[in-house]
Amino acid sequence: MTDAAPPRPSTLDPRPGPLSGIRVLDLSRVLAGPWATQTLADLGAEVIKIERPGVGDDTRQWGPPFTTKADGSKGDAAYFLCANRGKKSVELDIASPEGAAAVRELAKTCDVVVENFKTGGLRKYGLDYAGLSAVNPKLVYCSITGFGQDGPDAHRAGYDYMIQAMGGLMSITGQPDGAPGAEPMKVGVAVVDLFTGLYASNAIMAALLHARATGEGQHIDIALFDVQAAMLANQAANYFVSGKAPTRMGNAHPNLAPYQPFPCSDGMVVIAVGNDGQYRALCLALGVESLGTDARFATNAQRVAHRDELTPALSALTGKHSMKALMAMLEAAGVPCGPVNTIDQVFEEPQAVHRGLEVQQTREDLDGPVRTIASPIRMSKTPVAYDRAPPALGADTDEVLGALKG
């Protein structure tokens, strides 16, 4: 008998999340920091987002598209909604003595601070790690910067696009030299920011365990450049082992073949062959068993070496089928495959519907529901819950600051 599947995240689940009781002071904006704090909020932490009075997080203006308010006026940009679910919004000018003092008072009541100002940027306000750990020694203080707290580039600002370039990702993304449209290419979402947010939330939870055991907080130093280097994964290992820098290969895989999109009569399907048995099954399903036993393609290493011969041969065969027909054939043969979907099609996939990958929440000032992407975290005892939509600017200022006076 197998265990039941973990419950789907819900806006109604009454059980406290695993981070229930943890209070987070979020001084970050844009994406990497807010992505980290949204993860903590989804897991039950109370997250207090400090925003500039009258302006708020920069991404509130990063549109179109924008939401529509109940009175018909323009609301927040969609960009803001993607990373700020579950938080309280407090308008506070941290550059003023009064605002900085309020942040210090809040820090006394918090377990975590997350900030993504330039290295040393909060020191002049007394809101750096040294300043806030002095009033709360148990504080886990996470700084997210472009290049870290030390080194020759520590003073520089860092943005996802430039880090994708400087960190090597663009050198392995895009069509190869000589092919139509060849040039270094960024990824279609800000993956360095997103990975940085995930590394930061992991580090924060580890530091919270340490603080619980010892009563001692610490400073976490997360750099986008470091994260991008870590993201190179097998491509960095390929370089370390071979001594040769990987290059752009379009949609081909540097270590596997066939492992890329193939044409169909009505679109494209990715075929992801991970071993020799799957390759032979692919050829059998396509009605070319001889291609599966051809000495040029018998092993993965040989298929990689002869991919320029193999890929056109397979493409000619897949192009005879519709996407639906090809996937049915390959799935029956045990060959991993999937359609190249547009984003709207992702959320129409039966699996996406079943897993509840779209979250709808209400916010009184908006005309219609707020739609966000569900957390991929599924836990059987302490499930993720969505108890707050991304907040209106300053919606919780009176509640949070009033409690300091009380």
Protein backbone atom coordinates (compact mmCIF):
# COMPACT_ATOMS: atom_id res chain seq x y z
CA MET A 1 0.00 0.00 0.00
CA THR A 2 1.40 3.40 -0.96
CA ASP A 3 1.11 6.61 1.01
CA ALA A 4 -1.57 9.04 -0.07
CA ALA A 5 -0.39 11.95 -2.19
CA PRO A 6 0.47 15.12 -0.24
CA PRO A 7 -2.49 17.49 -0.15
CA ARG A 8 -2.75 20.20 -2.74
CA PRO A 9 -1.91 23.70 -1.41
CA SER A 10 -5.03 25.53 -0.38
CA THR A 11 -6.23 28.94 0.69
CA LEU A 12 -8.46 27.22 3.23
CA ASP A 13 -6.16 24.71 4.99
CA PRO A 14 -6.22 25.59 8.71
CA ARG A 15 -3.01 23.79 9.62
CA PRO A 16 -0.01 26.02 10.41
CA GLY A 17 2.82 25.95 7.89
CA PRO A 18 6.27 24.62 8.81
CA LEU A 19 7.56 28.19 9.26
CA SER A 20 4.58 29.32 11.34
CA GLY A 21 5.85 31.63 14.09
CA ILE A 22 8.81 32.86 12.01
CA ARG A 23 8.75 36.59 11.32
CA VAL A 24 10.57 37.99 8.29
CA LEU A 25 11.44 41.64 7.64
CA ASP A 26 11.68 42.02 3.88
CA LEU A 27 13.71 45.02 2.74
CA SER A 28 14.18 43.61 -0.75
CA ARG A 29 12.60 44.52 -4.05
CA VAL A 30 12.32 43.39 -7.68
CA LEU A 31 12.78 39.59 -7.91
CA ALA A 32 15.59 37.64 -6.20
CA GLY A 33 14.83 38.83 -2.66
CA PRO A 34 11.03 38.84 -3.04
CA TRP A 35 11.18 35.32 -4.57
CA ALA A 36 13.00 34.12 -1.45
CA THR A 37 10.57 35.79 0.94
CA GLN A 38 7.52 34.59 -1.01
CA THR A 39 8.80 31.03 -0.55
CA LEU A 40 9.08 31.67 3.19
CA ALA A 41 5.55 33.16 3.22
CA ASP A 42 4.11 30.17 1.36
CA LEU A 43 5.64 27.96 4.06
CA GLY A 44 3.89 29.87 6.83
CA ALA A 45 6.24 32.69 7.81
CA GLU A 46 4.86 36.16 8.52
CA VAL A 47 6.57 38.43 5.96
CA ILE A 48 6.55 42.20 6.41
CA LYS A 49 7.50 43.95 3.17
CA ILE A 50 8.90 47.46 3.60
CA GLU A 51 8.15 49.71 0.61
CA ARG A 52 8.90 53.28 -0.36
CA PRO A 53 5.96 55.58 0.45
CA GLY A 54 3.83 56.38 -2.59
CA VAL A 55 6.01 54.29 -4.93
CA GLY A 56 6.53 50.84 -3.50
CA ASP A 57 8.54 48.02 -5.02
CA ASP A 58 9.87 49.00 -8.45
CA THR A 59 8.03 46.08 -10.06
CA ARG A 60 4.63 47.58 -9.21
CA GLN A 61 5.32 49.76 -12.28
CA TRP A 62 6.98 47.14 -14.52
CA GLY A 63 4.25 46.78 -17.08
CA PRO A 64 2.16 46.38 -19.10
CA PRO A 65 0.23 44.32 -18.37
CA PHE A 66 -1.35 45.86 -15.28
CA THR A 67 -4.21 44.76 -13.09
CA THR A 68 -7.41 46.78 -13.04
CA LYS A 69 -8.75 48.30 -9.82
CA ALA A 70 -12.37 48.03 -8.83
CA ASP A 71 -12.88 51.69 -9.84
CA GLY A 72 -11.47 50.98 -13.33
CA SER A 73 -8.10 52.64 -12.77
CA LYS A 74 -4.72 51.02 -13.36
CA GLY A 75 -3.43 48.73 -10.63
CA ASP A 76 -0.15 46.94 -10.05
CA ALA A 77 1.92 45.38 -12.81
CA ALA A 78 1.62 41.64 -13.26
CA TYR A 79 5.36 41.41 -12.50
CA PHE A 80 4.79 42.47 -8.89
CA LEU A 81 2.14 39.80 -8.38
CA CYS A 82 4.49 36.93 -9.26
CA ALA A 83 6.77 37.34 -6.24
CA ASN A 84 4.83 38.98 -3.41
CA ARG A 85 2.02 36.64 -2.40
CA GLY A 86 1.47 36.13 1.31
CA LYS A 87 3.11 39.36 2.50
CA LYS A 88 2.12 42.43 4.49
CA SER A 89 2.98 45.79 2.89
CA VAL A 90 4.28 48.63 5.06
CA GLU A 91 5.11 52.06 3.63
CA LEU A 92 8.23 53.36 5.35
CA ASP A 93 11.00 55.76 4.34
CA ILE A 94 14.09 53.99 5.65
CA ALA A 95 16.25 56.96 4.61
CA SER A 96 14.60 59.11 7.29
CA PRO A 97 15.68 58.85 10.93
CA GLU A 98 12.14 57.93 11.92
CA GLY A 99 11.87 55.24 9.26
CA ALA A 100 15.25 53.72 10.12
CA ALA A 101 14.30 53.70 13.80
CA ALA A 102 11.04 51.89 12.99
CA VAL A 103 12.96 49.23 11.02
CA ARG A 104 15.28 48.71 13.99
CA GLU A 105 12.29 48.26 16.27
CA LEU A 106 10.73 45.78 13.86
CA ALA A 107 14.03 43.89 13.63
CA LYS A 108 13.88 43.28 17.39
CA THR A 109 10.68 41.29 16.83
CA CYS A 110 11.84 39.40 13.73
CA ASP A 111 13.79 36.21 13.10
CA VAL A 112 14.96 37.07 9.58
CA VAL A 113 15.92 40.14 7.56
CA VAL A 114 16.30 39.97 3.77
CA GLU A 115 17.78 42.88 1.83
CA ASN A 116 19.21 43.40 -1.65
CA PHE A 117 20.77 46.85 -1.49
CA LYS A 118 24.24 47.46 -2.89
CA THR A 119 27.01 46.14 -0.65
CA GLY A 120 27.26 48.50 2.31
CA GLY A 121 24.22 50.49 1.18
CA LEU A 122 22.31 50.13 4.47
CA ARG A 123 25.26 50.91 6.75
CA LYS A 124 24.61 54.66 6.74
CA TYR A 125 21.13 54.02 8.15
CA GLY A 126 22.33 51.59 10.80
CA LEU A 127 20.35 48.83 9.07
CA ASP A 128 23.24 46.63 7.99
CA TYR A 129 24.03 43.31 9.68
CA ALA A 130 26.22 44.93 12.31
CA GLY A 131 23.54 47.46 13.21
CA LEU A 132 20.58 45.08 13.40
CA SER A 133 22.38 42.12 14.98
CA ALA A 134 23.37 44.49 17.79
CA VAL A 135 19.69 44.87 18.71
CA ASN A 136 18.81 41.21 17.94
CA PRO A 137 21.73 38.74 18.20
CA LYS A 138 19.51 35.84 17.03
CA LEU A 139 18.76 37.58 13.74
CA VAL A 140 19.35 35.71 10.48
CA TYR A 141 20.33 38.49 8.09
CA CYS A 142 20.44 37.65 4.36
CA SER A 143 22.12 40.05 1.92
CA ILE A 144 21.52 39.48 -1.78
CA THR A 145 23.82 41.42 -4.12
CA GLY A 146 25.23 41.16 -7.61
CA PHE A 147 28.75 40.15 -6.61
CA GLY A 148 28.84 39.53 -2.86
CA GLN A 149 30.18 41.33 0.18
CA ASP A 150 33.85 41.23 -0.86
CA GLY A 151 36.10 41.09 -3.92
CA PRO A 152 36.97 43.60 -6.67
CA ASP A 153 33.38 43.74 -7.98
CA ALA A 154 31.60 43.91 -4.63
CA HIS A 155 30.68 47.56 -5.18
CA ARG A 156 28.94 46.90 -8.50
CA ALA A 157 25.20 46.59 -9.01
CA GLY A 158 24.07 43.30 -10.50
CA TYR A 159 21.10 42.58 -12.73
CA ASP A 160 19.93 39.21 -14.01
CA TYR A 161 20.57 39.93 -17.69
CA MET A 162 24.15 41.13 -17.22
CA ILE A 163 24.88 38.22 -14.86
CA GLN A 164 23.56 35.72 -17.43
CA ALA A 165 26.11 37.25 -19.80
CA MET A 166 29.05 37.60 -17.40
CA GLY A 167 28.40 34.23 -15.76
CA GLY A 168 28.59 32.26 -19.00
CA LEU A 169 24.95 31.28 -19.44
CA MET A 170 24.48 33.27 -22.64
CA SER A 171 27.59 31.68 -24.15
CA ILE A 172 25.84 28.29 -24.12
CA THR A 173 22.32 29.52 -24.98
CA GLY A 174 21.22 30.19 -28.56
CA GLN A 175 21.95 28.92 -32.04
CA PRO A 176 25.52 27.86 -32.85
CA ASP A 177 27.80 30.15 -34.82
CA GLY A 178 27.00 29.97 -38.51
CA ALA A 179 23.33 29.08 -38.00
CA PRO A 180 20.50 31.54 -38.78
CA GLY A 181 19.92 33.88 -35.86
CA ALA A 182 23.17 32.92 -34.15
CA GLU A 183 24.05 35.11 -31.18
CA PRO A 184 24.39 34.67 -27.41
CA MET A 185 20.87 34.46 -25.98
CA LYS A 186 19.39 35.10 -22.56
CA VAL A 187 16.84 32.74 -21.02
CA GLY A 188 13.19 33.81 -21.33
CA VAL A 189 12.73 34.38 -17.58
CA ALA A 190 15.13 35.88 -15.04
CA VAL A 191 16.56 32.52 -14.01
CA VAL A 192 19.53 33.92 -12.08
CA ASP A 193 17.20 35.94 -9.86
CA LEU A 194 14.94 32.93 -9.36
CA PHE A 195 17.79 30.55 -8.53
CA THR A 196 19.25 33.18 -6.20
CA GLY A 197 15.93 33.45 -4.38
CA LEU A 198 15.82 29.67 -3.94
CA TYR A 199 19.42 29.47 -2.70
CA ALA A 200 18.67 32.34 -0.32
CA SER A 201 15.55 30.70 1.12
CA ASN A 202 17.46 27.42 1.59
CA ALA A 203 20.28 29.24 3.38
CA ILE A 204 17.81 31.15 5.56
CA MET A 205 16.08 27.96 6.70
CA ALA A 206 19.44 26.34 7.49
CA ALA A 207 20.50 29.41 9.48
CA LEU A 208 17.20 29.36 11.38
CA LEU A 209 17.95 25.78 12.47
CA HIS A 210 21.37 26.93 13.67
CA ALA A 211 19.83 29.89 15.52
CA ARG A 212 17.29 27.61 17.17
CA ALA A 213 20.05 25.27 18.35
CA THR A 214 22.55 27.91 19.50
CA GLY A 215 20.69 31.20 19.97
CA GLU A 216 23.13 32.69 17.47
CA GLY A 217 22.16 34.50 14.29
CA GLN A 218 24.43 35.04 11.32
CA HIS A 219 25.00 36.98 8.10
CA ILE A 220 24.19 35.19 4.82
CA ASP A 221 26.02 36.51 1.76
CA ILE A 222 24.31 35.48 -1.52
CA ALA A 223 25.65 36.81 -4.84
CA LEU A 224 23.94 36.53 -8.22
CA PHE A 225 27.31 35.96 -9.90
CA ASP A 226 28.12 33.06 -7.55
CA VAL A 227 24.70 31.55 -8.17
CA GLN A 228 25.07 31.80 -11.94
CA ALA A 229 28.43 30.01 -11.71
CA ALA A 230 26.81 27.24 -9.65
CA MET A 231 24.00 26.98 -12.23
CA LEU A 232 26.51 26.00 -14.91
CA ALA A 233 26.41 22.52 -13.36
CA ASN A 234 27.32 19.85 -15.94
CA GLN A 235 28.53 22.48 -18.41
CA ALA A 236 31.13 23.69 -15.92
CA ALA A 237 32.05 20.05 -15.25
CA ASN A 238 32.42 19.52 -19.01
CA TYR A 239 34.91 22.38 -19.07
CA PHE A 240 36.80 21.20 -15.98
CA VAL A 241 37.21 17.70 -17.41
CA SER A 242 37.91 18.55 -21.06
CA GLY A 243 39.65 21.89 -20.75
CA LYS A 244 37.38 23.21 -23.51
CA ALA A 245 34.73 25.85 -22.98
CA PRO A 246 31.26 24.62 -24.10
CA THR A 247 29.64 26.58 -26.90
CA ARG A 248 26.10 27.31 -28.09
CA MET A 249 24.34 24.26 -29.53
CA GLY A 250 20.81 25.52 -30.07
CA ASN A 251 18.39 22.98 -28.61
CA ALA A 252 20.83 20.07 -28.72
CA HIS A 253 22.23 18.62 -25.50
CA PRO A 254 26.02 18.62 -25.03
CA ASN A 255 26.11 15.15 -23.47
CA LEU A 256 23.07 13.29 -24.86
CA ALA A 257 21.53 12.43 -28.22
CA PRO A 258 18.78 12.43 -29.32
CA TYR A 259 17.69 14.96 -26.70
CA GLN A 260 16.00 17.94 -28.36
CA PRO A 261 12.80 19.11 -30.09
CA PHE A 262 11.75 17.26 -33.23
CA PRO A 263 9.26 18.50 -35.83
CA CYS A 264 5.72 17.19 -36.21
CA SER A 265 3.08 18.07 -38.75
CA ASP A 266 1.48 20.55 -36.33
CA GLY A 267 4.25 21.63 -33.94
CA MET A 268 7.24 20.24 -32.10
CA VAL A 269 7.81 17.53 -29.51
CA VAL A 270 10.87 17.18 -27.30
CA ILE A 271 12.27 13.67 -27.29
CA ALA A 272 14.54 13.04 -24.29
CA VAL A 273 16.46 9.80 -24.72
CA GLY A 274 18.48 9.07 -21.60
CA ASN A 275 19.92 5.62 -22.34
CA ASP A 276 20.57 3.11 -25.11
CA GLY A 277 17.44 1.09 -24.37
CA GLN A 278 15.23 4.15 -24.81
CA TYR A 279 16.98 4.91 -28.10
CA ARG A 280 16.26 1.45 -29.47
CA ALA A 281 12.64 1.75 -28.29
CA LEU A 282 12.38 5.09 -30.11
CA CYS A 283 13.59 3.57 -33.37
CA LEU A 284 11.23 0.62 -33.00
CA ALA A 285 8.27 2.96 -32.38
CA LEU A 286 9.18 4.96 -35.48
CA GLY A 287 9.36 1.79 -37.58
CA VAL A 288 13.12 1.91 -38.21
CA GLU A 289 14.53 -0.86 -36.05
CA SER A 290 17.66 -0.88 -38.22
CA LEU A 291 18.49 2.65 -37.10
CA GLY A 292 18.46 1.37 -33.51
CA THR A 293 21.09 -1.28 -34.29
CA ASP A 294 23.23 0.89 -36.58
CA ALA A 295 26.81 0.81 -35.26
CA ARG A 296 27.10 4.59 -35.63
CA PHE A 297 24.36 5.09 -33.05
CA ALA A 298 24.70 2.06 -30.77
CA THR A 299 25.81 3.97 -27.69
CA ASN A 300 25.14 7.47 -26.41
CA ALA A 301 28.75 8.51 -27.01
CA GLN A 302 28.48 7.37 -30.61
CA ARG A 303 25.16 9.14 -31.07
CA VAL A 304 26.68 12.38 -29.73
CA ALA A 305 29.62 11.97 -32.14
CA HIS A 306 27.28 11.32 -35.10
CA ARG A 307 24.39 13.61 -34.14
CA ASP A 308 24.63 15.51 -37.45
CA GLU A 309 23.62 12.29 -39.25
CA LEU A 310 21.14 11.06 -36.65
CA THR A 311 19.08 14.21 -36.11
CA PRO A 312 17.97 14.70 -39.76
CA ALA A 313 17.10 11.02 -40.06
CA LEU A 314 14.87 11.14 -36.98
CA SER A 315 13.35 14.51 -37.98
CA ALA A 316 12.23 13.09 -41.31
CA LEU A 317 10.38 10.34 -39.46
CA THR A 318 8.77 12.45 -36.70
CA GLY A 319 7.60 15.04 -39.22
CA LYS A 320 5.15 12.51 -40.67
CA HIS A 321 3.10 12.46 -37.45
CA SER A 322 0.97 14.92 -35.51
CA MET A 323 2.16 15.87 -32.03
CA LYS A 324 -0.62 13.86 -30.40
CA ALA A 325 0.05 10.76 -32.48
CA LEU A 326 3.81 10.90 -31.98
CA MET A 327 3.53 11.32 -28.22
CA ALA A 328 1.07 8.44 -27.98
CA MET A 329 3.49 6.20 -29.87
CA LEU A 330 6.49 7.21 -27.79
CA GLU A 331 4.71 7.02 -24.45
CA ALA A 332 3.53 3.51 -25.29
CA ALA A 333 7.16 2.63 -26.05
CA GLY A 334 8.46 4.15 -22.80
CA VAL A 335 10.34 6.99 -24.52
CA PRO A 336 10.24 10.31 -22.58
CA CYS A 337 8.65 13.10 -24.62
CA GLY A 338 6.64 16.26 -24.23
CA PRO A 339 5.01 18.97 -26.35
CA VAL A 340 6.57 22.38 -26.86
CA ASN A 341 3.77 24.34 -25.20
CA THR A 342 2.98 28.02 -25.17
CA ILE A 343 2.45 29.44 -21.69
CA ASP A 344 -1.36 29.41 -21.98
CA GLN A 345 -1.18 25.75 -22.97
CA VAL A 346 0.86 24.93 -19.87
CA PHE A 347 -2.06 25.76 -17.60
CA GLU A 348 -4.48 23.84 -19.83
CA GLU A 349 -2.49 20.62 -19.44
CA PRO A 350 -4.59 18.04 -17.54
CA GLN A 351 -1.67 17.48 -15.16
CA ALA A 352 -1.48 21.22 -14.40
CA VAL A 353 -5.22 21.34 -13.72
CA HIS A 354 -5.06 18.26 -11.50
CA ARG A 355 -2.10 19.61 -9.50
CA GLY A 356 -3.70 23.05 -9.07
CA LEU A 357 -0.82 25.01 -10.59
CA GLU A 358 -2.89 28.19 -10.83
CA VAL A 359 -3.82 29.97 -7.60
CA GLN A 360 -6.69 32.46 -7.53
CA GLN A 361 -7.03 34.92 -4.65
CA THR A 362 -9.15 37.98 -4.04
CA ARG A 363 -8.13 41.51 -3.16
CA GLU A 364 -10.91 43.96 -2.42
CA ASP A 365 -9.40 46.86 -4.38
CA LEU A 366 -9.05 44.87 -7.62
CA ASP A 367 -11.60 44.02 -10.30
CA GLY A 368 -11.39 40.25 -10.41
CA PRO A 369 -9.18 37.58 -8.88
CA VAL A 370 -5.40 37.70 -8.56
CA ARG A 371 -3.93 34.74 -10.45
CA THR A 372 -0.49 33.45 -9.46
CA ILE A 373 1.51 30.24 -9.92
CA ALA A 374 1.30 27.68 -7.14
CA SER A 375 4.32 26.71 -5.11
CA PRO A 376 5.76 23.39 -6.29
CA ILE A 377 6.35 22.35 -2.66
CA ARG A 378 4.01 19.56 -1.52
CA MET A 379 4.22 18.46 2.13
CA SER A 380 1.98 15.86 3.76
CA LYS A 381 1.89 17.24 7.32
CA THR A 382 2.50 20.98 6.90
CA PRO A 383 1.15 21.93 3.48
CA VAL A 384 1.70 25.25 1.79
CA ALA A 385 -1.22 27.63 2.23
CA TYR A 386 -2.09 30.85 0.42
CA ASP A 387 -3.69 33.13 2.97
CA ARG A 388 -2.89 36.54 1.45
CA ALA A 389 -2.94 37.89 -2.08
CA PRO A 390 -0.02 40.11 -3.13
CA PRO A 391 -0.72 43.24 -1.05
CA ALA A 392 -1.82 46.70 -2.06
CA LEU A 393 0.86 49.29 -1.33
CA GLY A 394 0.84 50.15 2.37
CA ALA A 395 -2.17 47.96 3.13
CA ASP A 396 -0.72 46.84 6.47
CA THR A 397 1.17 49.94 7.58
CA ASP A 398 -1.17 50.88 10.40
CA GLU A 399 -1.43 47.32 11.72
CA VAL A 400 2.31 46.64 11.77
CA LEU A 401 3.57 50.02 12.98
CA GLY A 402 0.67 50.40 15.39
CA ALA A 403 1.76 47.20 17.12
CA LEU A 404 5.18 48.77 17.79
CA LYS A 405 3.52 51.62 19.66
CA GLY A 406 1.25 49.24 21.57
